[in-house]
Amino acid sequence: MHADTQKAEPLAEEHVALAVEVFRMLADLTRVHLLWALLDHELSVGELAAAVRRPAAGVSQHLAKLRMARLVETRRQGTTVFYRIENSHIRQLVQDAVYHAEHASGGVPQHHRVDRGLSMLAQDTYDTETGGT
């Protein structure tokens, strides 16, 4: 049986509720900026505040919510607390949401411009669709 013809198993209500909570946490501009800043490395509150150009107190409140929702985790070094993405699923979810937004806004998405191979693929696809014009 092909994977695309299989019927998905019903979801447990507990998992649906947690998924909704994740999406609720992502429905905030500052929190998406924070998670984006954390995609590749951990940062302190001060570093995050500078990266997203928001006051540290507000950033701390958003990070507390993200931590309670299990989207970020912390590591303490002396008096400094460092934040990082909880797991690869959250990283992928944030990346996919941003990449989808880039595709939805038209043109060649920024993430395709960063990778020359993908940029060339996008241009080839565009040329094929438009007849090379």
N, C-alpha and C. Protein backbone atom coordinates (compact mmCIF):
# COMPACT_ATOMS: atom_id res chain seq x y z
N MET A 1 0.84 -1.18 0.00
CA MET A 1 0.00 0.00 0.00
C MET A 1 0.88 1.24 0.00
N HIS A 2 0.57 2.23 -0.79
CA HIS A 2 1.34 3.46 -0.88
C HIS A 2 1.04 4.37 0.29
N ALA A 3 2.08 5.07 0.72
CA ALA A 3 1.93 5.97 1.87
C ALA A 3 0.88 7.05 1.61
N ASP A 4 0.75 7.50 0.35
CA ASP A 4 -0.20 8.58 0.07
C ASP A 4 -1.65 8.09 0.03
N THR A 5 -1.86 6.78 0.02
CA THR A 5 -3.23 6.27 0.00
C THR A 5 -3.65 5.74 1.36
N GLN A 6 -2.71 5.68 2.32
CA GLN A 6 -3.06 5.21 3.65
C GLN A 6 -3.82 6.29 4.40
N LYS A 7 -4.78 5.86 5.17
CA LYS A 7 -5.53 6.80 6.00
C LYS A 7 -4.74 7.03 7.28
N ALA A 8 -4.60 8.29 7.65
CA ALA A 8 -3.88 8.62 8.87
C ALA A 8 -4.64 8.12 10.09
N GLU A 9 -3.88 7.69 11.08
CA GLU A 9 -4.48 7.26 12.34
C GLU A 9 -5.09 8.46 13.03
N PRO A 10 -6.18 8.25 13.76
CA PRO A 10 -6.78 9.38 14.50
C PRO A 10 -5.78 9.92 15.52
N LEU A 11 -5.84 11.21 15.75
CA LEU A 11 -4.94 11.84 16.71
C LEU A 11 -5.51 11.77 18.12
N ALA A 12 -4.63 11.61 19.07
CA ALA A 12 -5.03 11.66 20.47
C ALA A 12 -5.35 13.12 20.81
N GLU A 13 -6.42 13.35 21.52
CA GLU A 13 -6.83 14.71 21.88
C GLU A 13 -5.73 15.46 22.62
N GLU A 14 -4.98 14.76 23.44
CA GLU A 14 -3.87 15.37 24.18
C GLU A 14 -2.83 15.94 23.21
N HIS A 15 -2.55 15.20 22.15
CA HIS A 15 -1.56 15.66 21.16
C HIS A 15 -2.10 16.83 20.34
N VAL A 16 -3.38 16.79 20.02
CA VAL A 16 -4.00 17.89 19.30
C VAL A 16 -3.94 19.16 20.14
N ALA A 17 -4.25 19.05 21.42
CA ALA A 17 -4.22 20.21 22.31
C ALA A 17 -2.81 20.78 22.41
N LEU A 18 -1.80 19.92 22.48
CA LEU A 18 -0.42 20.39 22.53
C LEU A 18 0.00 21.03 21.21
N ALA A 19 -0.43 20.48 20.09
CA ALA A 19 -0.12 21.06 18.79
C ALA A 19 -0.75 22.45 18.66
N VAL A 20 -1.96 22.60 19.12
CA VAL A 20 -2.63 23.90 19.10
C VAL A 20 -1.86 24.90 19.95
N GLU A 21 -1.35 24.46 21.09
CA GLU A 21 -0.55 25.33 21.96
C GLU A 21 0.73 25.77 21.25
N VAL A 22 1.36 24.88 20.51
CA VAL A 22 2.56 25.24 19.76
C VAL A 22 2.21 26.32 18.74
N PHE A 23 1.14 26.13 17.99
CA PHE A 23 0.75 27.13 17.00
C PHE A 23 0.37 28.45 17.66
N ARG A 24 -0.24 28.38 18.82
CA ARG A 24 -0.58 29.60 19.55
C ARG A 24 0.68 30.37 19.94
N MET A 25 1.71 29.64 20.35
CA MET A 25 2.98 30.28 20.70
C MET A 25 3.64 30.90 19.47
N LEU A 26 3.44 30.31 18.31
CA LEU A 26 4.04 30.83 17.08
C LEU A 26 3.24 31.98 16.48
N ALA A 27 2.09 32.27 17.04
CA ALA A 27 1.23 33.33 16.51
C ALA A 27 1.58 34.69 17.11
N ASP A 28 2.88 34.95 17.25
CA ASP A 28 3.35 36.21 17.80
C ASP A 28 4.64 36.59 17.10
N LEU A 29 4.71 37.81 16.59
CA LEU A 29 5.88 38.26 15.83
C LEU A 29 7.17 38.15 16.62
N THR A 30 7.16 38.62 17.86
CA THR A 30 8.39 38.60 18.67
C THR A 30 8.85 37.17 18.92
N ARG A 31 7.93 36.28 19.22
CA ARG A 31 8.32 34.90 19.50
C ARG A 31 8.89 34.22 18.26
N VAL A 32 8.35 34.50 17.08
CA VAL A 32 8.91 33.92 15.85
C VAL A 32 10.31 34.49 15.63
N HIS A 33 10.48 35.80 15.84
CA HIS A 33 11.83 36.40 15.72
C HIS A 33 12.80 35.73 16.70
N LEU A 34 12.36 35.49 17.92
CA LEU A 34 13.23 34.86 18.92
C LEU A 34 13.62 33.45 18.49
N LEU A 35 12.64 32.67 18.07
CA LEU A 35 12.93 31.30 17.64
C LEU A 35 13.84 31.29 16.42
N TRP A 36 13.62 32.23 15.51
CA TRP A 36 14.48 32.31 14.32
C TRP A 36 15.92 32.60 14.72
N ALA A 37 16.09 33.50 15.69
CA ALA A 37 17.43 33.85 16.17
C ALA A 37 18.11 32.65 16.82
N LEU A 38 17.32 31.74 17.36
CA LEU A 38 17.86 30.58 18.07
C LEU A 38 18.04 29.35 17.17
N LEU A 39 17.73 29.45 15.90
CA LEU A 39 17.78 28.27 15.04
C LEU A 39 19.13 27.57 15.04
N ASP A 40 20.22 28.33 15.00
CA ASP A 40 21.52 27.72 14.82
C ASP A 40 22.43 27.75 16.04
N HIS A 41 22.05 28.49 17.08
CA HIS A 41 22.90 28.56 18.26
C HIS A 41 22.12 29.09 19.45
N GLU A 42 22.67 28.88 20.63
CA GLU A 42 22.02 29.37 21.83
C GLU A 42 22.47 30.80 22.11
N LEU A 43 21.57 31.56 22.75
CA LEU A 43 21.85 32.96 23.05
C LEU A 43 21.31 33.30 24.42
N SER A 44 21.91 34.31 25.04
CA SER A 44 21.42 34.81 26.32
C SER A 44 20.27 35.78 26.06
N VAL A 45 19.58 36.17 27.12
CA VAL A 45 18.47 37.12 27.00
C VAL A 45 18.96 38.43 26.39
N GLY A 46 20.10 38.92 26.86
CA GLY A 46 20.64 40.16 26.33
C GLY A 46 20.97 40.07 24.85
N GLU A 47 21.56 38.96 24.45
CA GLU A 47 21.88 38.76 23.04
C GLU A 47 20.61 38.66 22.19
N LEU A 48 19.60 37.98 22.73
CA LEU A 48 18.33 37.86 22.02
C LEU A 48 17.63 39.21 21.91
N ALA A 49 17.65 39.98 22.99
CA ALA A 49 17.03 41.30 22.98
C ALA A 49 17.66 42.18 21.91
N ALA A 50 18.98 42.12 21.80
CA ALA A 50 19.68 42.88 20.77
C ALA A 50 19.33 42.36 19.37
N ALA A 51 19.26 41.05 19.23
CA ALA A 51 18.99 40.45 17.92
C ALA A 51 17.60 40.80 17.40
N VAL A 52 16.61 40.85 18.30
CA VAL A 52 15.24 41.13 17.86
C VAL A 52 14.83 42.59 18.11
N ARG A 53 15.77 43.37 18.65
CA ARG A 53 15.54 44.80 18.91
C ARG A 53 14.30 45.06 19.76
N ARG A 54 14.27 44.34 20.87
CA ARG A 54 13.18 44.49 21.84
C ARG A 54 13.81 44.62 23.23
N PRO A 55 13.08 45.22 24.18
CA PRO A 55 13.61 45.33 25.55
C PRO A 55 13.80 43.95 26.18
N ALA A 56 14.85 43.80 26.97
CA ALA A 56 15.17 42.51 27.59
C ALA A 56 14.03 42.01 28.47
N ALA A 57 13.34 42.91 29.16
CA ALA A 57 12.23 42.47 30.04
C ALA A 57 11.13 41.80 29.23
N GLY A 58 10.78 42.38 28.09
CA GLY A 58 9.75 41.77 27.24
C GLY A 58 10.21 40.47 26.63
N VAL A 59 11.48 40.42 26.24
CA VAL A 59 12.05 39.20 25.67
C VAL A 59 12.00 38.09 26.71
N SER A 60 12.32 38.42 27.96
CA SER A 60 12.27 37.42 29.03
C SER A 60 10.87 36.85 29.20
N GLN A 61 9.86 37.70 29.11
CA GLN A 61 8.48 37.22 29.24
C GLN A 61 8.12 36.27 28.10
N HIS A 62 8.51 36.62 26.88
CA HIS A 62 8.24 35.73 25.75
C HIS A 62 8.99 34.42 25.89
N LEU A 63 10.23 34.48 26.35
CA LEU A 63 11.01 33.26 26.53
C LEU A 63 10.41 32.36 27.60
N ALA A 64 9.85 32.96 28.64
CA ALA A 64 9.20 32.16 29.68
C ALA A 64 8.01 31.39 29.09
N LYS A 65 7.24 32.04 28.24
CA LYS A 65 6.11 31.36 27.59
C LYS A 65 6.59 30.26 26.67
N LEU A 66 7.63 30.55 25.89
CA LEU A 66 8.18 29.53 25.00
C LEU A 66 8.74 28.34 25.76
N ARG A 67 9.31 28.63 26.92
CA ARG A 67 9.85 27.54 27.76
C ARG A 67 8.73 26.70 28.34
N MET A 68 7.67 27.34 28.81
CA MET A 68 6.53 26.58 29.36
C MET A 68 5.87 25.72 28.29
N ALA A 69 5.89 26.19 27.05
CA ALA A 69 5.32 25.43 25.94
C ALA A 69 6.30 24.39 25.39
N ARG A 70 7.46 24.30 26.00
CA ARG A 70 8.51 23.36 25.63
C ARG A 70 9.04 23.57 24.21
N LEU A 71 9.13 24.84 23.81
CA LEU A 71 9.71 25.17 22.51
C LEU A 71 11.18 25.56 22.64
N VAL A 72 11.57 26.04 23.83
CA VAL A 72 12.98 26.34 24.10
C VAL A 72 13.37 25.71 25.42
N GLU A 73 14.67 25.52 25.58
CA GLU A 73 15.21 25.04 26.84
C GLU A 73 16.37 25.93 27.23
N THR A 74 16.80 25.80 28.47
CA THR A 74 17.84 26.69 28.99
C THR A 74 19.05 25.94 29.48
N ARG A 75 20.14 26.70 29.57
CA ARG A 75 21.38 26.22 30.17
C ARG A 75 21.95 27.40 30.95
N ARG A 76 22.31 27.15 32.19
CA ARG A 76 22.87 28.22 33.03
C ARG A 76 24.39 28.09 33.07
N GLN A 77 25.04 29.24 32.87
CA GLN A 77 26.49 29.31 33.01
C GLN A 77 26.78 30.51 33.91
N GLY A 78 27.10 30.22 35.16
CA GLY A 78 27.27 31.29 36.15
C GLY A 78 25.94 31.97 36.38
N THR A 79 25.90 33.27 36.15
CA THR A 79 24.64 34.00 36.32
C THR A 79 23.89 34.20 35.01
N THR A 80 24.45 33.70 33.93
CA THR A 80 23.84 33.89 32.61
C THR A 80 23.04 32.65 32.21
N VAL A 81 21.83 32.88 31.71
CA VAL A 81 20.99 31.81 31.21
C VAL A 81 20.99 31.88 29.68
N PHE A 82 21.29 30.76 29.07
CA PHE A 82 21.31 30.67 27.62
C PHE A 82 20.08 29.87 27.16
N TYR A 83 19.48 30.32 26.07
CA TYR A 83 18.30 29.66 25.51
C TYR A 83 18.67 29.00 24.19
N ARG A 84 18.00 27.89 23.91
CA ARG A 84 18.17 27.20 22.63
C ARG A 84 16.84 26.53 22.27
N ILE A 85 16.70 26.22 21.00
CA ILE A 85 15.51 25.51 20.51
C ILE A 85 15.45 24.15 21.20
N GLU A 86 14.27 23.75 21.61
CA GLU A 86 14.08 22.50 22.35
C GLU A 86 14.51 21.26 21.56
N ASN A 87 14.13 21.18 20.28
CA ASN A 87 14.48 20.00 19.50
C ASN A 87 14.41 20.29 18.00
N SER A 88 14.81 19.32 17.21
CA SER A 88 14.86 19.51 15.76
C SER A 88 13.48 19.70 15.14
N HIS A 89 12.44 19.17 15.78
CA HIS A 89 11.08 19.34 15.25
C HIS A 89 10.65 20.80 15.31
N ILE A 90 10.96 21.46 16.40
CA ILE A 90 10.63 22.88 16.54
C ILE A 90 11.44 23.69 15.53
N ARG A 91 12.71 23.37 15.42
CA ARG A 91 13.57 24.05 14.43
C ARG A 91 12.97 23.92 13.04
N GLN A 92 12.58 22.72 12.66
CA GLN A 92 12.01 22.48 11.32
C GLN A 92 10.68 23.20 11.15
N LEU A 93 9.84 23.21 12.18
CA LEU A 93 8.55 23.88 12.12
C LEU A 93 8.71 25.37 11.88
N VAL A 94 9.63 26.00 12.60
CA VAL A 94 9.87 27.44 12.44
C VAL A 94 10.42 27.73 11.05
N GLN A 95 11.41 26.95 10.63
CA GLN A 95 11.98 27.14 9.29
C GLN A 95 10.92 26.98 8.22
N ASP A 96 10.14 25.91 8.32
CA ASP A 96 9.12 25.65 7.30
C ASP A 96 8.07 26.76 7.26
N ALA A 97 7.68 27.28 8.42
CA ALA A 97 6.69 28.36 8.46
C ALA A 97 7.24 29.61 7.77
N VAL A 98 8.48 29.96 8.06
CA VAL A 98 9.08 31.14 7.44
C VAL A 98 9.29 30.90 5.94
N TYR A 99 9.77 29.74 5.57
CA TYR A 99 9.99 29.44 4.15
C TYR A 99 8.66 29.44 3.39
N HIS A 100 7.63 28.92 4.00
CA HIS A 100 6.31 28.94 3.36
C HIS A 100 5.87 30.39 3.15
N ALA A 101 6.07 31.24 4.14
CA ALA A 101 5.70 32.65 4.01
C ALA A 101 6.48 33.31 2.87
N GLU A 102 7.76 32.96 2.73
CA GLU A 102 8.55 33.51 1.63
C GLU A 102 8.01 33.06 0.28
N HIS A 103 7.60 31.81 0.17
CA HIS A 103 7.03 31.31 -1.08
C HIS A 103 5.69 31.99 -1.37
N ALA A 104 4.89 32.18 -0.35
CA ALA A 104 3.56 32.75 -0.53
C ALA A 104 3.60 34.21 -0.95
N SER A 105 4.73 34.89 -0.67
CA SER A 105 4.80 36.31 -1.00
C SER A 105 5.25 36.57 -2.43
N GLY A 106 5.54 35.52 -3.19
CA GLY A 106 5.88 35.66 -4.61
C GLY A 106 7.36 35.89 -4.84
N GLY A 107 7.77 35.73 -6.08
CA GLY A 107 9.18 35.90 -6.43
C GLY A 107 10.01 34.73 -5.97
N VAL A 108 11.34 34.90 -6.05
CA VAL A 108 12.26 33.86 -5.59
C VAL A 108 12.46 34.06 -4.09
N PRO A 109 12.09 33.07 -3.28
CA PRO A 109 12.22 33.22 -1.82
C PRO A 109 13.66 33.45 -1.38
N GLN A 110 13.83 34.18 -0.31
CA GLN A 110 15.15 34.50 0.23
C GLN A 110 15.96 33.23 0.50
N HIS A 111 15.33 32.19 1.03
CA HIS A 111 16.10 30.99 1.35
C HIS A 111 16.62 30.28 0.09
N HIS A 112 16.05 30.55 -1.06
CA HIS A 112 16.58 30.00 -2.31
C HIS A 112 17.75 30.85 -2.81
N ARG A 113 17.75 32.11 -2.48
CA ARG A 113 18.85 32.99 -2.90
C ARG A 113 20.12 32.69 -2.12
N VAL A 114 19.98 32.21 -0.89
CA VAL A 114 21.14 31.91 -0.05
C VAL A 114 21.90 30.72 -0.59
N ASP A 115 21.19 29.71 -1.04
CA ASP A 115 21.81 28.49 -1.58
C ASP A 115 21.82 28.61 -3.10
N ARG A 116 23.01 28.78 -3.67
CA ARG A 116 23.13 29.01 -5.12
C ARG A 116 22.48 27.89 -5.92
N GLY A 117 22.62 26.66 -5.48
CA GLY A 117 22.02 25.53 -6.19
C GLY A 117 20.50 25.63 -6.21
N LEU A 118 19.93 25.98 -5.08
CA LEU A 118 18.48 26.13 -5.02
C LEU A 118 18.03 27.34 -5.82
N SER A 119 18.81 28.40 -5.79
CA SER A 119 18.48 29.60 -6.56
C SER A 119 18.44 29.28 -8.05
N MET A 120 19.43 28.51 -8.51
CA MET A 120 19.48 28.14 -9.92
C MET A 120 18.30 27.24 -10.25
N LEU A 121 17.94 26.33 -9.36
CA LEU A 121 16.79 25.46 -9.56
C LEU A 121 15.52 26.30 -9.66
N ALA A 122 15.38 27.27 -8.77
CA ALA A 122 14.20 28.13 -8.79
C ALA A 122 14.13 28.90 -10.11
N GLN A 123 15.27 29.40 -10.60
CA GLN A 123 15.30 30.13 -11.86
C GLN A 123 14.95 29.21 -13.02
N ASP A 124 15.49 27.97 -13.02
CA ASP A 124 15.17 27.01 -14.07
C ASP A 124 13.69 26.70 -14.08
N THR A 125 13.10 26.53 -12.90
CA THR A 125 11.66 26.27 -12.80
C THR A 125 10.88 27.45 -13.33
N TYR A 126 11.30 28.66 -12.97
CA TYR A 126 10.64 29.87 -13.44
C TYR A 126 10.73 29.97 -14.96
N ASP A 127 11.93 29.71 -15.51
CA ASP A 127 12.12 29.76 -16.96
C ASP A 127 11.23 28.75 -17.67
N THR A 128 11.13 27.55 -17.11
CA THR A 128 10.30 26.50 -17.70
C THR A 128 8.83 26.91 -17.69
N GLU A 129 8.39 27.48 -16.58
CA GLU A 129 6.99 27.88 -16.45
C GLU A 129 6.63 29.06 -17.34
N THR A 130 7.60 29.95 -17.59
CA THR A 130 7.32 31.16 -18.36
C THR A 130 7.78 31.04 -19.80
N GLY A 131 8.32 29.90 -20.17
CA GLY A 131 8.80 29.71 -21.53
C GLY A 131 10.15 30.35 -21.78
N GLY A 132 10.93 30.54 -20.68
CA GLY A 132 12.28 31.08 -20.83
C GLY A 132 12.34 32.58 -20.95
N THR A 133 11.26 33.27 -20.66
CA THR A 133 11.28 34.73 -20.77
C THR A 133 11.48 35.38 -19.44
